[in-house]
Protein backbone atom coordinates (compact mmCIF):
# COMPACT_ATOMS: atom_id res chain seq x y z
CA MET A 1 20.83 111.01 29.89
CA THR A 2 23.60 113.02 28.81
CA THR A 3 23.80 113.83 25.03
CA THR A 4 26.82 113.02 22.61
CA LYS A 5 26.61 114.76 19.24
CA PHE A 6 28.12 113.33 16.78
CA ARG A 7 29.95 115.08 14.45
CA MET A 8 30.55 113.03 10.94
CA GLY A 9 34.96 112.14 10.32
CA ARG A 10 35.98 113.64 6.59
CA LEU A 11 35.73 112.54 2.99
CA ASP A 12 36.93 109.28 3.01
CA HIS A 13 36.24 108.01 -0.04
CA VAL A 14 33.85 107.88 -2.86
CA HIS A 15 32.14 105.35 -4.53
CA ILE A 16 32.27 105.29 -7.91
CA ARG A 17 30.92 102.98 -10.45
CA VAL A 18 32.22 102.02 -14.16
CA PRO A 19 32.51 100.06 -16.60
CA ASP A 20 35.67 98.58 -16.51
CA ARG A 21 38.13 99.27 -13.41
CA ALA A 22 41.60 98.88 -14.77
CA GLU A 23 40.33 101.49 -18.16
CA ALA A 24 38.73 103.80 -14.96
CA ALA A 25 42.22 103.77 -13.34
CA ARG A 26 44.80 104.61 -17.00
CA TRP A 27 41.97 107.91 -17.79
CA TYR A 28 42.13 108.41 -13.64
CA ALA A 29 45.42 108.36 -14.21
CA GLU A 30 46.07 110.16 -17.69
CA HIS A 31 43.92 112.53 -16.75
CA LEU A 32 43.07 113.75 -13.16
CA GLY A 33 46.84 111.91 -11.51
CA PHE A 34 45.02 109.58 -9.87
CA GLU A 35 47.54 106.76 -8.04
CA PRO A 36 46.13 103.25 -6.41
CA VAL A 37 46.43 103.36 -3.06
CA GLU A 38 48.68 100.69 -2.36
CA ARG A 39 47.87 99.50 0.94
CA LEU A 40 43.62 98.85 -0.08
CA SER A 41 44.97 97.31 -3.56
CA PHE A 42 43.58 93.91 -1.12
CA TRP A 43 40.47 95.30 -1.41
CA ALA A 44 40.44 94.67 -5.41
CA GLU A 45 42.57 91.49 -5.54
CA GLY A 46 41.00 89.56 -2.92
CA PHE A 47 37.48 89.03 -4.15
CA GLU A 48 35.68 89.33 -6.56
CA GLY A 49 33.39 92.85 -6.96
CA GLY A 50 35.93 93.92 -4.60
CA PRO A 51 36.74 98.75 -4.88
CA LEU A 52 40.35 99.63 -6.46
CA GLN A 53 41.17 102.02 -4.29
CA ILE A 54 42.84 105.31 -6.44
CA SER A 55 44.35 108.96 -4.86
CA ALA A 56 45.42 111.72 -6.25
CA ASP A 57 46.16 113.74 -2.12
CA GLY A 58 48.67 110.39 -1.19
CA GLY A 59 45.39 108.19 -0.03
CA ARG A 60 43.72 110.41 2.14
CA THR A 61 40.95 111.25 0.40
CA THR A 62 39.99 108.26 -2.18
CA LEU A 63 37.62 107.36 -4.94
CA ALA A 64 36.36 103.63 -5.05
CA LEU A 65 36.13 101.91 -8.85
CA PHE A 66 33.76 99.46 -8.61
CA GLU A 67 32.98 97.83 -11.40
CA ALA A 68 29.44 96.73 -12.97
CA SER A 69 27.58 93.96 -12.77
CA ALA A 70 24.06 92.54 -12.13
CA GLY A 71 24.43 92.66 -9.91
CA HIS A 72 25.71 96.58 -9.38
CA PRO A 73 24.27 97.83 -12.82
CA MET A 74 26.92 101.68 -14.30
CA VAL A 75 25.15 104.31 -12.31
CA PRO A 76 26.92 106.80 -12.82
CA GLN A 77 27.29 109.49 -9.95
CA THR A 78 26.12 112.52 -10.46
CA THR A 79 25.59 115.28 -7.90
CA GLY A 80 29.26 115.90 -8.19
CA VAL A 81 31.96 114.77 -5.25
CA ALA A 82 33.87 118.00 -5.08
CA PHE A 83 37.72 118.35 -5.33
CA SER A 84 40.20 121.28 -3.55
CA VAL A 85 43.97 122.92 -4.89
CA GLU A 86 46.14 124.81 -4.82
CA ALA A 87 45.90 128.29 -7.31
CA ASP A 88 49.06 127.20 -9.14
CA VAL A 89 47.57 123.99 -9.60
CA PHE A 90 44.05 125.91 -10.47
CA ILE A 91 45.48 127.67 -12.90
CA ALA A 92 48.07 125.39 -14.59
CA PHE A 93 44.59 123.23 -15.16
CA ALA A 94 42.74 126.00 -16.54
CA ARG A 95 46.23 127.29 -19.52
CA ALA A 96 46.11 123.02 -20.53
CA LEU A 97 42.28 123.39 -21.61
CA PRO A 98 40.37 121.65 -23.84
CA GLY A 99 41.74 118.62 -23.31
CA GLU A 100 40.45 115.19 -23.86
CA LEU A 101 38.37 116.52 -20.39
CA ARG A 102 34.62 116.88 -21.32
CA ASN A 103 32.05 119.56 -19.04
CA PRO A 104 28.94 117.01 -17.91
CA ALA A 105 27.45 117.98 -21.02
CA GLY A 106 29.55 115.98 -23.30
CA GLU A 107 31.51 119.19 -23.97
CA PRO A 108 35.32 119.25 -24.31
CA LEU A 109 36.28 121.15 -21.30
CA ARG A 110 37.41 124.65 -21.35
CA ALA A 111 39.42 127.56 -19.37
CA GLY A 112 36.63 130.01 -20.26
CA ASP A 113 33.63 127.46 -18.15
CA VAL A 114 35.52 128.52 -15.01
CA ILE A 115 33.16 129.28 -12.41
CA ASP A 116 32.78 132.33 -9.77
CA PHE A 117 30.83 131.25 -6.68
CA ASP A 118 32.58 134.18 -4.68
CA LEU A 119 34.91 132.97 -2.30
CA CYS A 120 36.44 129.88 -4.92
CA TRP A 121 36.41 129.17 -8.36
CA ALA A 122 35.23 126.76 -9.74
CA TYR A 123 35.50 123.41 -13.14
CA ASP A 124 32.75 121.55 -13.70
CA LEU A 125 34.52 118.33 -15.18
CA ALA A 126 33.63 114.43 -16.19
CA ASP A 127 34.46 110.39 -16.65
CA PRO A 128 33.68 109.25 -19.98
CA TRP A 129 31.00 107.40 -17.80
CA GLY A 130 29.55 110.41 -16.89
CA ASN A 131 29.91 110.85 -13.45
CA VAL A 132 30.82 114.33 -11.69
CA TYR A 133 33.42 116.12 -9.86
CA GLU A 134 34.14 119.73 -9.37
CA LEU A 135 37.44 121.28 -9.04
CA ASN A 136 37.68 124.55 -6.42
CA CYS A 137 40.87 126.84 -5.71
CA TYR A 138 39.65 129.38 -2.21
CA ASP A 139 42.91 131.17 -3.23
CA TYR A 140 40.28 134.00 -5.18
CA ALA A 141 42.85 137.26 -5.12
CA ARG A 142 45.98 134.83 -7.21
CA VAL A 143 43.33 133.23 -9.71
CA LYS A 144 41.91 136.17 -10.65
CA ALA A 145 45.31 138.05 -11.21
CA ALA A 146 47.13 134.90 -12.60
CA LEU A 147 44.43 133.68 -14.54
CA ILE A 148 41.16 136.08 -14.70
CA ASP A 149 42.57 140.04 -15.36
CA GLU A 150 45.76 138.16 -17.12
CA ASP A 151 44.01 135.60 -19.70
CA GLY A 152 40.40 137.76 -20.04
CA ILE A 153 38.40 135.39 -19.23
CA THR A 154 34.82 135.79 -18.31
CA PRO A 155 32.87 133.80 -16.23
CA ALA A 156 29.93 132.01 -15.16
CA ARG A 157 28.61 132.82 -12.14
CA TYR A 158 25.22 131.25 -10.43
CA TRP A 159 23.76 133.61 -8.53
CA PRO A 160 24.10 137.21 -7.89
CA ARG A 161 27.85 139.11 -6.86
CA ALA A 162 25.57 141.46 -4.15
CA LEU A 163 24.22 138.31 -2.65
CA TYR A 164 27.32 137.84 -1.49
CA THR A 165 28.54 141.43 -0.88
CA ASP A 166 25.43 141.96 0.70
CA PHE A 167 26.13 139.03 3.14
CA ARG A 168 29.65 140.42 3.22
CA ALA A 169 28.53 143.47 4.42
CA ARG A 170 26.22 141.71 7.00
CA ALA A 171 29.04 140.07 8.54
C-alpha cells in the first residue's frame, strides 16, 4: 500500500464576521486597500448569508465577509491573519500612522508599535469589529535602515534577540 503525503495549498480566504458587509467593505477599502472580487460576487448577491469576497492582491487571497446573523453570531477572529508587503509599502504604512487604525487593544496604531521578529518587521492591528491582523515585511535590512534607524524608532520585541543569533550561529 502506498501512502501519498497530502500538502495543503496556499491560503485562499479567511472567514470574517461583521455586522454589516457593505460597511465593512467600505472600511477595508478605505483603510487597507481591499476591493470586492468581481468574479466571486455571485456568492454575496446570489443568496442571503453569502460572503462578500474582498482582496488587496487582485483576488489571490481574500477576506470573505459574512454578515452576522442569529444563526451565525458576531464572533471576531482574534488569532490573527498575517499579510506580507514589500518594504516601500511597509515604510509608507508606518509613516502614515497614526490614523484611524487601531491596535488589538483598541488604541491608535502608531509607527513605534512595530515589532522586531528578527527575520521580519510587523504591525498588529484590528478592524472596528475586533478582527485581528498582522502586517509583515521580510526585507529586514531595508526597513531597519529606512524606517527604524532613520526615524529613531525603538521596536517592540516578543523574545530575546539572542534566540535568533544563537539559531543563526548553529545553522
